[in-house]
N, C-alpha and C. Protein backbone atom coordinates (compact mmCIF):
# COMPACT_ATOMS: atom_id res chain seq x y z
N MET A 1 120.07 161.11 99.82
CA MET A 1 119.10 161.59 99.18
C MET A 1 118.00 161.42 100.07
N PHE A 2 117.01 162.48 99.32
CA PHE A 2 116.14 162.69 99.63
C PHE A 2 115.25 161.68 100.17
N ALA A 3 114.42 161.64 101.43
CA ALA A 3 113.18 160.86 101.10
C ALA A 3 112.16 161.64 100.64
N ALA A 4 111.38 161.19 100.18
CA ALA A 4 110.18 161.49 98.40
C ALA A 4 109.34 162.00 99.48
N CYS A 5 108.11 162.86 99.31
CA CYS A 5 107.74 164.18 99.92
C CYS A 5 106.83 164.14 98.82
N ALA A 6 104.90 163.95 98.93
CA ALA A 6 103.90 164.05 98.10
C ALA A 6 103.66 165.59 98.10
N GLN A 7 103.63 166.15 99.45
CA GLN A 7 102.90 167.56 99.37
C GLN A 7 104.21 168.25 99.43
N ASN A 8 103.54 169.84 99.42
CA ASN A 8 104.06 170.69 99.44
C ASN A 8 105.85 170.90 100.02
N ALA A 9 106.64 170.79 100.06
CA ALA A 9 108.36 170.75 100.68
C ALA A 9 109.07 172.26 100.69
N GLN A 10 107.76 173.27 99.59
CA GLN A 10 108.47 174.50 99.27
C GLN A 10 110.02 175.06 99.45
N SER A 11 110.40 173.75 98.49
CA SER A 11 111.90 174.18 98.57
C SER A 11 111.93 174.34 97.41
N ASP A 12 113.13 175.08 96.90
CA ASP A 12 113.67 175.05 95.21
C ASP A 12 113.75 173.80 94.90
N ASP A 13 114.79 173.29 95.00
CA ASP A 13 115.09 171.72 94.86
C ASP A 13 116.25 172.08 93.29
N ASP A 14 116.54 172.78 93.79
CA ASP A 14 117.65 172.93 93.27
C ASP A 14 118.69 172.53 92.43
N ASP A 15 118.32 171.26 92.63
CA ASP A 15 119.19 169.99 91.83
C ASP A 15 118.73 169.73 90.86
N GLY A 16 117.20 170.17 90.90
CA GLY A 16 116.89 169.07 89.91
C GLY A 16 116.03 168.25 90.44
N GLY A 17 115.89 168.44 91.36
CA GLY A 17 114.82 167.61 91.75
C GLY A 17 113.37 168.48 92.25
N THR A 18 113.39 168.80 91.56
CA THR A 18 112.64 169.18 92.08
C THR A 18 112.17 168.26 92.43
N THR A 19 112.63 168.80 92.50
CA THR A 19 111.92 168.38 92.97
C THR A 19 111.27 168.02 94.12
N THR A 20 111.93 166.95 94.64
CA THR A 20 111.30 165.87 95.38
C THR A 20 110.25 166.84 96.54
N GLN A 21 110.42 167.53 96.58
CA GLN A 21 109.94 168.31 97.75
C GLN A 21 109.42 169.34 97.44
N ALA A 22 108.39 169.33 96.88
CA ALA A 22 106.50 170.14 96.75
C ALA A 22 105.61 169.50 96.30
N THR A 23 104.66 169.66 96.39
CA THR A 23 103.59 169.51 95.83
C THR A 23 103.41 168.03 94.95
N SER A 24 102.59 167.68 95.14
CA SER A 24 102.07 166.21 94.57
C SER A 24 102.42 167.05 92.97
N ALA A 25 101.66 167.91 92.78
CA ALA A 25 101.70 168.37 91.33
C ALA A 25 102.62 169.03 91.18
N GLN A 26 103.70 170.38 91.76
CA GLN A 26 104.76 170.03 91.35
C GLN A 26 105.82 169.19 91.15
N ALA A 27 105.45 168.50 92.24
CA ALA A 27 107.16 167.16 91.84
C ALA A 27 106.80 166.39 91.02
N THR A 28 105.68 166.69 90.00
CA THR A 28 105.11 164.89 88.90
C THR A 28 105.82 166.68 87.12
N SER A 29 105.61 168.09 88.16
CA SER A 29 105.72 168.93 86.55
C SER A 29 107.08 168.54 86.53
N ALA A 30 108.09 168.70 87.38
CA ALA A 30 109.18 169.02 87.20
C ALA A 30 109.94 167.96 86.44
N ASN A 31 109.34 166.44 86.43
CA ASN A 31 110.08 165.33 85.38
C ASN A 31 109.86 166.08 84.36
N THR A 32 108.79 167.02 83.79
CA THR A 32 108.79 167.58 82.54
C THR A 32 109.20 168.59 82.06
N SER A 33 109.25 169.51 83.04
CA SER A 33 109.95 171.02 83.15
C SER A 33 111.28 170.72 83.53
N GLY A 34 112.25 169.77 83.89
CA GLY A 34 113.28 169.93 84.25
C GLY A 34 113.95 168.88 84.73
N ALA A 35 113.33 168.18 85.47
CA ALA A 35 114.24 167.63 86.47
C ALA A 35 113.72 165.85 86.45
N GLY A 36 114.24 165.49 85.21
CA GLY A 36 114.11 164.70 85.21
C GLY A 36 114.43 163.00 86.15
N GLY A 37 113.63 162.05 85.62
CA GLY A 37 114.53 160.37 85.55
C GLY A 37 114.75 160.57 87.13
N GLY A 38 115.77 160.10 88.00
CA GLY A 38 115.60 160.42 89.30
C GLY A 38 115.92 162.00 90.32
N ALA A 39 115.95 162.49 89.90
CA ALA A 39 116.39 163.99 90.41
C ALA A 39 115.05 164.12 91.53
N THR A 40 113.85 163.46 91.66
CA THR A 40 113.41 163.95 92.75
C THR A 40 113.47 163.38 94.08
N THR A 41 115.34 162.56 94.25
CA THR A 41 115.64 161.85 95.03
C THR A 41 116.84 162.60 95.45
N SER A 42 117.31 163.14 94.64
CA SER A 42 118.51 164.22 95.16
C SER A 42 118.91 164.86 95.77
N SER A 43 119.52 165.50 96.29
CA SER A 43 119.70 166.75 97.40
C SER A 43 119.89 167.64 97.17
N SER A 44 119.85 168.98 97.69
CA SER A 44 119.34 170.55 97.44
C SER A 44 120.81 171.03 96.84
N GLY A 45 121.02 171.37 95.94
CA GLY A 45 122.58 171.71 95.86
C GLY A 45 122.88 173.07 95.77
N ALA A 46 124.07 174.39 95.37
CA ALA A 46 124.36 175.30 95.02
C ALA A 46 123.91 175.72 93.81
N GLY A 47 123.89 176.95 93.66
CA GLY A 47 123.70 177.72 91.72
C GLY A 47 122.27 178.87 92.01
N GLY A 48 122.04 179.06 93.08
CA GLY A 48 120.99 179.90 92.79
C GLY A 48 119.02 179.60 92.87
N SER A 49 118.72 180.18 92.62
CA SER A 49 117.63 179.30 93.28
C SER A 49 116.38 179.81 91.49
N MET A 50 115.74 179.27 92.01
CA MET A 50 114.17 178.95 90.51
C MET A 50 113.71 180.47 90.24
N PRO A 51 113.76 180.56 89.32
CA PRO A 51 112.42 181.85 89.59
C PRO A 51 111.51 181.77 90.14
N THR A 52 110.73 182.43 90.94
CA THR A 52 109.35 181.83 91.89
C THR A 52 108.13 181.86 90.81
N ILE A 53 107.37 180.78 90.29
CA ILE A 53 106.32 181.28 89.98
C ILE A 53 104.91 179.86 90.72
N PRO A 54 104.60 180.64 89.82
CA PRO A 54 103.07 179.93 91.11
C PRO A 54 102.68 178.45 90.69
N PHE A 55 102.52 177.71 91.64
CA PHE A 55 102.31 175.87 91.31
C PHE A 55 100.69 175.67 92.12
N CYS A 56 100.40 174.30 91.70
CA CYS A 56 100.03 173.47 92.72
C CYS A 56 100.11 173.87 93.94
N GLN A 57 99.51 174.00 94.67
CA GLN A 57 99.35 173.85 96.75
C GLN A 57 98.41 172.99 96.84
N LEU A 58 98.41 172.31 98.45
CA LEU A 58 97.74 171.82 98.62
C LEU A 58 96.25 172.60 99.88
N ALA A 59 95.32 173.02 99.89
CA ALA A 59 94.72 173.60 100.37
C ALA A 59 94.57 173.46 101.51
N CYS A 60 94.40 174.29 102.71
CA CYS A 60 94.15 173.84 104.36
C CYS A 60 93.85 174.92 104.88
N ALA A 61 93.21 174.64 105.64
CA ALA A 61 93.05 175.53 107.38
C ALA A 61 93.55 175.11 108.20
N THR A 62 94.31 174.17 108.79
CA THR A 62 95.56 174.15 109.22
C THR A 62 96.30 173.28 109.22
N SER A 63 97.40 173.03 109.38
CA SER A 63 98.84 171.93 109.62
C SER A 63 98.68 170.85 109.78
N ALA A 64 97.36 170.38 110.29
CA ALA A 64 96.77 169.08 110.26
C ALA A 64 96.37 168.61 108.96
N ASP A 65 95.26 169.67 108.52
CA ASP A 65 95.34 169.29 107.12
C ASP A 65 96.23 168.60 105.70
N CYS A 66 97.22 169.20 106.56
CA CYS A 66 98.78 169.04 105.35
C CYS A 66 99.27 167.33 105.34
N SER A 67 99.48 166.71 106.88
CA SER A 67 99.86 165.30 107.35
C SER A 67 99.71 164.00 105.69
N MET A 68 100.32 163.92 105.54
CA MET A 68 100.91 162.61 105.52
C MET A 68 100.96 161.49 106.11
N GLY A 69 101.10 161.73 107.40
CA GLY A 69 100.28 160.29 108.32
C GLY A 69 101.91 159.71 108.73
N SER A 70 103.50 160.24 107.79
CA SER A 70 104.11 159.70 108.59
C SER A 70 105.21 160.77 109.45
N PRO A 71 105.65 160.27 110.24
CA PRO A 71 106.16 161.04 111.46
C PRO A 71 107.09 162.15 110.84
N PRO A 72 107.93 162.56 109.76
CA PRO A 72 108.65 163.52 109.07
C PRO A 72 107.68 164.23 107.96
N TYR A 73 106.20 163.82 107.84
CA TYR A 73 105.60 164.75 107.02
C TYR A 73 104.13 164.48 107.77
N ASP A 74 104.02 164.60 109.02
CA ASP A 74 102.88 164.88 109.42
C ASP A 74 102.45 166.84 110.17
N ALA A 75 101.71 166.85 111.31
CA ALA A 75 100.93 168.09 111.16
C ALA A 75 102.26 169.19 111.56
N ASP A 76 103.27 168.46 112.62
CA ASP A 76 104.00 169.58 113.22
C ASP A 76 105.38 169.67 112.01
N ASN A 77 105.37 169.46 110.90
CA ASN A 77 106.75 169.21 110.03
C ASN A 77 105.87 170.52 109.29
N TYR A 78 104.61 170.65 108.98
CA TYR A 78 104.15 172.14 107.89
C TYR A 78 103.11 172.78 108.38
N SER A 79 102.83 174.06 108.25
CA SER A 79 102.52 175.54 108.06
C SER A 79 101.23 175.31 107.31
N CYS A 80 100.59 176.56 107.76
CA CYS A 80 99.87 176.55 106.80
C CYS A 80 99.56 178.34 106.44
N PRO A 81 100.45 178.93 105.99
CA PRO A 81 99.64 180.23 105.40
C PRO A 81 99.16 180.71 104.40
N SER A 82 98.09 181.51 104.46
CA SER A 82 97.11 182.30 103.32
C SER A 82 96.87 180.80 102.70
N GLY A 83 96.87 179.87 103.78
CA GLY A 83 95.21 178.60 103.33
C GLY A 83 96.17 177.32 102.65
N VAL A 84 97.52 177.71 102.09
CA VAL A 84 98.63 176.41 101.55
C VAL A 84 99.48 175.33 102.06
N CYS A 85 99.45 174.66 102.26
CA CYS A 85 100.34 173.88 102.53
C CYS A 85 102.16 173.95 102.48
N VAL A 86 102.67 174.63 103.66
CA VAL A 86 104.39 174.38 103.65
C VAL A 86 104.90 173.76 104.36
N TYR A 87 106.02 173.05 103.52
CA TYR A 87 106.28 171.75 104.47
C TYR A 87 107.92 172.83 104.98
N ASP A 88 108.02 172.73 106.28
CA ASP A 88 109.09 173.06 106.85
C ASP A 88 110.31 172.41 107.39
N GLY A 89 110.56 170.70 106.93
CA GLY A 89 111.45 170.48 107.40
C GLY A 89 110.77 169.18 108.09
N CYS A 90 112.25 168.42 108.64
CA CYS A 90 112.32 167.65 109.44
C CYS A 90 112.49 168.00 110.97
N ASN A 91 112.29 167.44 111.62
CA ASN A 91 113.04 167.76 112.85
C ASN A 91 113.81 166.56 113.49
N SER A 92 113.37 166.24 113.88
CA SER A 92 114.58 165.41 114.01
C SER A 92 115.54 163.90 113.28
N HIS A 93 116.32 163.09 113.67
CA HIS A 93 116.84 161.89 112.73
C HIS A 93 115.56 160.66 113.08
N THR A 94 115.12 160.52 114.40
CA THR A 94 114.01 159.74 114.73
C THR A 94 112.54 159.92 113.90
N GLU A 95 112.69 161.25 113.66
CA GLU A 95 111.49 161.34 112.50
C GLU A 95 112.00 160.13 111.15
N CYS A 96 113.06 160.73 111.03
CA CYS A 96 113.23 160.31 109.51
C CYS A 96 113.36 158.39 109.53
N GLN A 97 114.17 158.18 110.79
CA GLN A 97 114.66 156.85 110.64
C GLN A 97 112.89 156.41 110.49
N ALA A 98 111.81 156.78 110.51
CA ALA A 98 110.74 156.03 110.07
C ALA A 98 110.40 155.15 108.78
N LEU A 99 111.36 156.49 107.92
CA LEU A 99 111.66 155.92 106.65
C LEU A 99 112.48 155.01 106.50
N GLY A 100 113.45 154.61 107.08
CA GLY A 100 114.40 153.25 106.84
C GLY A 100 115.86 154.42 107.35
N ASN A 101 116.80 153.72 106.48
CA ASN A 101 118.32 154.68 106.59
C ASN A 101 118.46 156.05 106.68
N TYR A 102 117.48 156.57 106.92
CA TYR A 102 117.70 158.74 106.88
C TYR A 102 117.88 159.16 107.82
N GLN A 103 118.58 160.45 107.67
CA GLN A 103 118.94 161.26 108.77
C GLN A 103 118.32 162.54 108.16
N CYS A 104 117.83 163.04 109.39
CA CYS A 104 117.30 164.78 109.33
C CYS A 104 118.60 165.55 109.05
N LEU A 105 118.83 165.91 108.08
CA LEU A 105 120.50 166.53 107.47
C LEU A 105 119.47 167.94 107.08
N PRO A 106 120.47 168.98 106.57
CA PRO A 106 120.44 170.09 105.81
C PRO A 106 120.91 169.89 104.86
N SER A 107 119.55 170.99 104.16
CA SER A 107 119.50 170.86 101.98
C SER A 107 120.07 172.60 102.26
N SER A 108 119.60 172.85 101.15
CA SER A 108 119.71 174.17 100.72
C SER A 108 119.45 175.19 101.59
N GLN A 109 118.02 174.33 101.50
CA GLN A 109 116.43 175.71 102.05
C GLN A 109 116.01 174.56 103.57
N MET A 110 116.48 174.06 103.70
CA MET A 110 115.77 173.06 104.82
C MET A 110 116.29 172.09 105.20
N MET A 111 116.19 171.32 106.79
CA MET A 111 116.70 170.31 107.10
C MET A 111 115.26 169.19 106.14
N LEU A 112 115.94 168.02 105.83
CA LEU A 112 114.89 167.56 105.35
C LEU A 112 115.66 165.67 105.17
N CYS A 113 114.38 164.85 104.94
CA CYS A 113 115.01 163.01 105.27
C CYS A 113 115.99 162.73 104.04
N GLN A 114 116.92 162.35 104.44
CA GLN A 114 118.52 161.56 104.02
C GLN A 114 119.21 160.71 103.96
N GLU A 115 119.42 159.93 103.13
CA GLU A 115 120.85 158.92 103.84
C GLU A 115 121.75 159.53 103.57
N PRO A 116 122.58 159.32 104.55
CA PRO A 116 123.73 159.92 105.00
C PRO A 116 125.10 159.54 103.97
N CYS A 117 125.63 160.16 103.92
CA CYS A 117 126.70 159.53 102.80
C CYS A 117 128.48 159.81 103.78
N ALA A 118 129.28 159.18 103.30
CA ALA A 118 130.56 159.24 103.31
C ALA A 118 131.18 159.68 102.68
N ALA A 119 130.57 159.20 101.10
CA ALA A 119 131.59 159.89 100.13
C ALA A 119 130.32 159.80 98.51
N ALA A 120 130.93 160.71 98.05
CA ALA A 120 129.71 161.42 96.76
C ALA A 120 129.92 159.65 96.30
N ALA A 121 130.28 158.30 96.24
CA ALA A 121 129.60 156.97 96.10
C ALA A 121 128.46 156.85 95.98
N ASP A 122 128.34 157.05 97.21
CA ASP A 122 127.14 156.53 97.80
C ASP A 122 126.12 157.72 97.74
N CYS A 123 126.32 158.18 97.10
CA CYS A 123 125.10 159.34 95.95
C CYS A 123 124.11 158.66 95.15
N ARG A 124 125.21 157.82 94.47
CA ARG A 124 124.98 157.23 92.98
C ARG A 124 123.43 157.06 93.39
N LEU A 125 122.45 157.31 92.21
CA LEU A 125 121.73 156.84 92.20
C LEU A 125 120.78 155.50 90.85
N GLY A 126 122.49 155.27 89.96
CA GLY A 126 122.44 153.85 89.13
C GLY A 126 122.21 154.46 87.62
N THR A 127 122.04 155.97 87.12
CA THR A 127 121.77 156.65 85.99
C THR A 127 122.84 157.59 85.81
N PRO A 128 123.62 157.42 84.70
CA PRO A 128 124.81 158.59 84.32
C PRO A 128 124.84 160.19 85.12
N ALA A 129 123.23 160.71 84.77
CA ALA A 129 123.32 161.94 85.35
C ALA A 129 122.86 161.82 86.86
N TYR A 130 123.09 160.70 87.55
CA TYR A 130 122.92 161.22 88.73
C TYR A 130 124.11 159.89 89.95
N ASP A 131 124.86 159.93 89.16
CA ASP A 131 126.50 158.87 89.77
C ASP A 131 127.24 159.76 90.63
N ALA A 132 128.55 159.34 90.72
CA ALA A 132 129.10 159.78 91.87
C ALA A 132 129.78 161.30 91.40
N ASP A 133 129.77 161.58 89.76
CA ASP A 133 131.05 162.49 89.68
C ASP A 133 129.35 163.62 89.11
N ASN A 134 128.33 163.68 89.52
CA ASN A 134 127.37 164.83 89.82
C ASN A 134 126.73 165.46 91.27
N TYR A 135 127.75 164.54 92.52
CA TYR A 135 127.24 164.79 93.66
C TYR A 135 128.80 165.33 94.53
N VAL A 136 128.47 165.88 95.96
CA VAL A 136 129.10 165.53 96.55
C VAL A 136 128.70 165.62 97.93
N CYS A 137 129.51 165.06 99.00
CA CYS A 137 129.21 165.25 100.20
C CYS A 137 129.57 165.81 100.86
N GLN A 138 128.57 165.99 101.51
CA GLN A 138 129.49 167.41 102.52
C GLN A 138 127.84 167.16 103.76
N ASN A 139 128.79 167.44 104.84
CA ASN A 139 128.35 166.94 106.50
C ASN A 139 127.23 166.27 106.46
N ASN A 140 127.68 164.62 105.29
CA ASN A 140 127.27 163.51 105.70
C ASN A 140 125.81 163.67 104.75
N ALA A 141 125.39 164.51 104.19
CA ALA A 141 124.68 164.62 103.18
C ALA A 141 124.95 164.34 101.66
N CYS A 142 124.25 164.25 100.67
CA CYS A 142 124.56 164.25 99.23
C CYS A 142 124.15 165.47 98.95
N VAL A 143 124.72 166.27 98.03
CA VAL A 143 124.63 167.02 97.31
C VAL A 143 124.54 167.28 95.65
N TYR A 144 123.55 167.61 95.07
CA TYR A 144 122.91 167.33 93.56
C TYR A 144 124.02 168.73 93.46
N LEU A 145 125.19 168.31 92.29
CA LEU A 145 126.50 169.13 91.73
C LEU A 145 125.60 169.57 90.08
N GLY A 146 124.42 168.33 89.91
CA GLY A 146 123.69 168.70 88.14
C GLY A 146 124.59 168.20 87.22
N CYS A 147 123.94 168.30 85.99
CA CYS A 147 124.40 167.35 84.97
C CYS A 147 125.99 167.78 84.52
N ASN A 148 126.23 166.77 83.79
CA ASN A 148 127.57 167.39 83.13
C ASN A 148 127.51 167.67 81.42
N ASN A 149 126.71 167.09 80.64
CA ASN A 149 126.41 166.75 79.63
C ASN A 149 124.98 166.12 79.22
N ASP A 150 125.15 166.58 77.81
CA ASP A 150 123.77 165.67 76.97
C ASP A 150 123.33 164.12 77.34
N THR A 151 124.87 163.96 76.81
CA THR A 151 124.91 162.10 77.24
C THR A 151 124.53 161.40 78.18
N GLU A 152 125.25 162.27 79.74
CA GLU A 152 124.36 161.45 81.04
C GLU A 152 122.27 161.82 80.86
N CYS A 153 121.91 162.84 80.48
CA CYS A 153 120.85 163.02 80.53
C CYS A 153 119.50 162.01 79.49
N THR A 154 120.49 161.92 77.95
CA THR A 154 119.80 160.95 77.45
C THR A 154 119.60 159.35 77.75
N SER A 155 120.61 158.88 78.45
CA SER A 155 120.28 157.66 79.47
C SER A 155 118.72 158.21 79.95
N LEU A 156 118.17 159.02 80.21
CA LEU A 156 116.71 158.91 81.34
C LEU A 156 115.67 159.43 80.13
N GLY A 157 116.28 158.80 78.76
CA GLY A 157 115.10 159.51 77.61
C GLY A 157 115.35 160.65 76.53
N ASN A 158 114.64 160.83 76.66
CA ASN A 158 114.28 162.25 75.31
C ASN A 158 114.67 163.77 76.42
N TYR A 159 116.09 164.04 77.19
CA TYR A 159 116.33 164.76 78.36
C TYR A 159 117.51 165.21 77.77
N VAL A 160 117.93 167.28 77.69
CA VAL A 160 119.07 166.55 77.11
C VAL A 160 119.46 167.69 78.71
N CYS A 161 120.60 168.62 78.84
CA CYS A 161 121.75 169.22 79.86
C CYS A 161 121.67 170.23 80.09
N ARG A 162 120.96 170.90 80.73
CA ARG A 162 120.77 172.51 80.17
C ARG A 162 120.61 173.70 81.63
N THR A 163 121.53 174.85 81.90
CA THR A 163 121.26 175.37 82.87
C THR A 163 120.29 175.65 83.41
N MET A 164 119.75 175.13 84.40
CA MET A 164 118.01 175.83 85.27
C MET A 164 118.27 178.02 84.76
N PRO A 165 117.31 177.88 84.47
CA PRO A 165 116.13 179.31 84.69
C PRO A 165 116.93 179.79 85.96
N GLY A 166 117.41 180.89 85.86
CA GLY A 166 117.69 182.09 87.68
C GLY A 166 118.74 181.34 88.33
N THR A 167 119.73 180.09 88.06
CA THR A 167 120.55 179.87 89.02
C THR A 167 121.89 179.17 87.79
N THR A 168 122.68 178.44 88.06
CA THR A 168 124.25 178.92 86.93
C THR A 168 124.28 177.10 87.36
N MET A 169 123.36 175.94 87.91
CA MET A 169 123.14 174.47 87.72
C MET A 169 122.90 173.80 86.90
N LYS A 170 123.38 173.09 86.02
CA LYS A 170 123.20 172.12 85.12
C LYS A 170 121.67 171.08 85.60
N ASN A 171 120.82 171.05 84.47
CA ASN A 171 119.56 169.88 84.78
C ASN A 171 119.46 168.71 83.62
N CYS A 172 118.75 167.64 83.85
CA CYS A 172 118.53 167.25 82.82
C CYS A 172 116.95 167.53 82.31
N PHE A 173 116.80 168.41 81.42
CA PHE A 173 115.37 168.34 80.97
C PHE A 173 114.61 167.87 79.71
N VAL A 174 113.48 167.66 79.52
CA VAL A 174 112.96 167.31 78.69
C VAL A 174 113.10 168.07 76.41
N ALA A 175 113.35 167.62 76.17
CA ALA A 175 113.38 167.87 75.28
C ALA A 175 112.23 168.21 74.25
N CYS A 176 112.47 169.56 73.74
CA CYS A 176 111.45 170.24 73.07
C CYS A 176 111.11 171.06 71.57
N SER A 177 110.09 170.85 70.70
CA SER A 177 110.14 171.37 69.78
C SER A 177 109.47 172.76 69.97
N THR A 178 108.21 172.29 70.34
CA THR A 178 107.11 172.94 70.81
C THR A 178 106.66 173.24 72.24
N PRO A 179 105.88 173.72 72.72
CA PRO A 179 105.14 173.58 74.01
C PRO A 179 104.77 172.30 73.85
N ALA A 180 103.31 172.04 72.70
CA ALA A 180 102.92 170.68 73.31
C ALA A 180 103.77 169.80 73.07
N ASP A 181 105.42 169.55 73.33
CA ASP A 181 106.02 168.36 73.34
C ASP A 181 106.20 168.28 74.89
N CYS A 182 106.06 169.03 75.83
CA CYS A 182 106.47 168.91 77.18
C CYS A 182 105.05 168.80 77.92
N VAL A 183 104.05 167.83 77.67
CA VAL A 183 102.72 167.76 78.04
C VAL A 183 102.08 166.88 78.80
N LEU A 184 102.09 166.73 80.09
CA LEU A 184 102.32 165.49 81.03
C LEU A 184 101.30 165.25 81.31
N GLY A 185 100.04 163.72 81.11
CA GLY A 185 98.94 163.71 81.07
C GLY A 185 98.12 164.25 80.90
N THR A 186 96.83 164.70 81.43
CA THR A 186 95.85 164.88 81.06
C THR A 186 95.35 166.27 81.68
N SER A 187 96.03 166.62 82.79
CA SER A 187 95.89 167.62 83.96
C SER A 187 95.96 169.01 83.62
N PRO A 188 94.96 170.09 83.51
CA PRO A 188 94.71 171.29 83.03
C PRO A 188 96.10 172.08 83.38
N ALA A 189 96.46 171.66 84.43
CA ALA A 189 97.35 172.68 84.64
C ALA A 189 98.90 171.89 84.43
N PHE A 190 98.69 170.94 83.61
CA PHE A 190 100.54 170.68 82.63
C PHE A 190 99.99 170.35 81.29
N ASP A 191 99.69 171.03 80.72
CA ASP A 191 98.82 171.11 79.37
C ASP A 191 99.46 172.34 78.33
N GLU A 192 99.89 172.22 77.56
CA GLU A 192 100.35 173.60 76.75
C GLU A 192 100.40 174.47 77.11
N ASP A 193 99.19 175.17 77.82
CA ASP A 193 99.95 176.76 77.96
C ASP A 193 100.21 176.60 79.55
N ASN A 194 100.62 175.40 79.96
CA ASN A 194 101.99 175.96 81.16
C ASN A 194 103.48 175.65 80.43
N TYR A 195 103.59 175.51 79.71
CA TYR A 195 105.39 175.40 79.51
C TYR A 195 105.08 175.94 78.42
N SER A 196 106.83 176.51 78.38
CA SER A 196 107.40 176.70 77.16
C SER A 196 108.43 176.27 76.69
N CYS A 197 109.35 176.94 75.33
CA CYS A 197 109.98 175.84 75.11
C CYS A 197 111.44 176.79 74.60
N PRO A 198 112.45 177.64 75.27
CA PRO A 198 113.07 178.30 74.68
C PRO A 198 114.27 177.32 74.61
N ASP A 199 115.13 177.16 73.23
CA ASP A 199 116.09 176.75 73.34
C ASP A 199 116.20 174.99 73.12
N GLY A 200 114.69 174.83 73.14
CA GLY A 200 114.90 173.47 72.69
C GLY A 200 114.37 172.35 73.94
N TYR A 201 113.91 172.83 75.12
CA TYR A 201 113.41 172.23 75.86
C TYR A 201 113.25 173.40 76.72
N CYS A 202 112.25 171.89 77.76
CA CYS A 202 110.37 171.93 78.33
C CYS A 202 111.43 172.80 79.52
N ILE A 203 110.38 174.02 79.70
CA ILE A 203 110.43 174.98 81.00
C ILE A 203 108.65 175.17 81.37
N TYR A 204 109.03 174.54 83.17
CA TYR A 204 107.46 174.35 83.57
C TYR A 204 107.36 176.40 83.70
N ASP A 205 106.20 177.03 83.39
CA ASP A 205 105.68 178.14 83.59
C ASP A 205 105.00 178.74 84.70
N GLY A 206 104.57 177.27 85.13
CA GLY A 206 103.67 177.64 86.08
C GLY A 206 101.69 177.60 86.33
N CYS A 207 101.50 177.51 86.80
CA CYS A 207 99.50 177.24 86.36
C CYS A 207 98.97 178.80 86.38
N ASN A 208 98.06 178.45 86.12
CA ASN A 208 97.45 179.40 85.59
C ASN A 208 95.63 180.59 86.38
N SER A 209 95.57 178.97 86.85
CA SER A 209 94.28 179.38 87.90
C SER A 209 93.51 178.33 88.78
N ASP A 210 93.19 178.63 89.71
CA ASP A 210 92.81 177.43 90.84
C ASP A 210 92.19 176.36 89.97
N ALA A 211 91.13 177.17 88.91
CA ALA A 211 90.23 176.02 88.33
C ALA A 211 91.35 175.31 88.15
N GLU A 212 92.64 175.02 87.21
CA GLU A 212 93.19 174.25 86.15
C GLU A 212 93.63 173.34 87.93
N CYS A 213 94.34 173.90 89.04
CA CYS A 213 94.86 172.89 90.41
C CYS A 213 93.80 171.61 90.38
N ALA A 214 92.66 172.86 90.96
CA ALA A 214 91.06 171.88 91.25
C ALA A 214 90.95 170.47 90.32
N SER A 215 91.58 170.43 89.21
CA SER A 215 92.23 168.86 88.74
C SER A 215 92.96 168.16 89.30
N LEU A 216 93.16 168.21 90.33
CA LEU A 216 93.87 167.67 90.61
C LEU A 216 93.57 167.09 92.36
N GLY A 217 93.16 167.76 92.61
CA GLY A 217 92.33 167.36 93.88
C GLY A 217 92.10 168.99 95.01
N ASN A 218 92.07 169.19 96.21
CA ASN A 218 92.84 170.16 96.73
C ASN A 218 93.57 170.67 96.90
N TYR A 219 93.34 171.53 95.76
CA TYR A 219 95.23 172.08 95.18
C TYR A 219 94.16 173.41 94.81
N VAL A 220 95.00 174.90 95.05
CA VAL A 220 95.32 176.21 94.43
C VAL A 220 96.39 176.27 93.98
N CYS A 221 96.34 177.80 92.97
CA CYS A 221 97.41 178.00 91.86
C CYS A 221 97.70 179.26 93.42
N ARG A 222 99.06 178.73 93.59
CA ARG A 222 99.48 180.30 94.66
C ARG A 222 101.16 180.35 93.78
């Protein structure tokens, strides 16, 4: 399972986790747009790539501006192209061990700090949507395969199991009747005009402007 990262890790988090590995803004949006519950700690799986959307990313002048102060999330793990922080992955097991029983293992996009596994049972997070039948253990790393049905997702709350846009993987999405049901908190970057509600589940469509993202801090919409 991934070690959580609050800044931009620039992976599609295609297992639903969304998103773990994203800006704090995107990681938060993942809980409403699809990656509910424990998805942010599961590892990336196969199933294609999500459509590219603009999201709130931490602004930077150099990679040092992206550092979170932890060995796997300091300046040498980031780059700063076009003035925004991009997480490039962990560099070694030693870095990840600063977080506990973690190793630097491959995900679908990059090397990330994950708890090593010997079997799928080692990957479970304690809820039906994230237990042994939702994972495989490949090369000692947990790979999330997706949810299996709505019943698994309802264990997280008002969630349904649907295919992630642009992929073949199913994930737990917040159920909705209108985009208003998807609103997360009071930030302009996660209000009604940032969501759509196709077929009864919430999809985050992205930020609309730098002004929306500025409500979160030193973030820009890219």
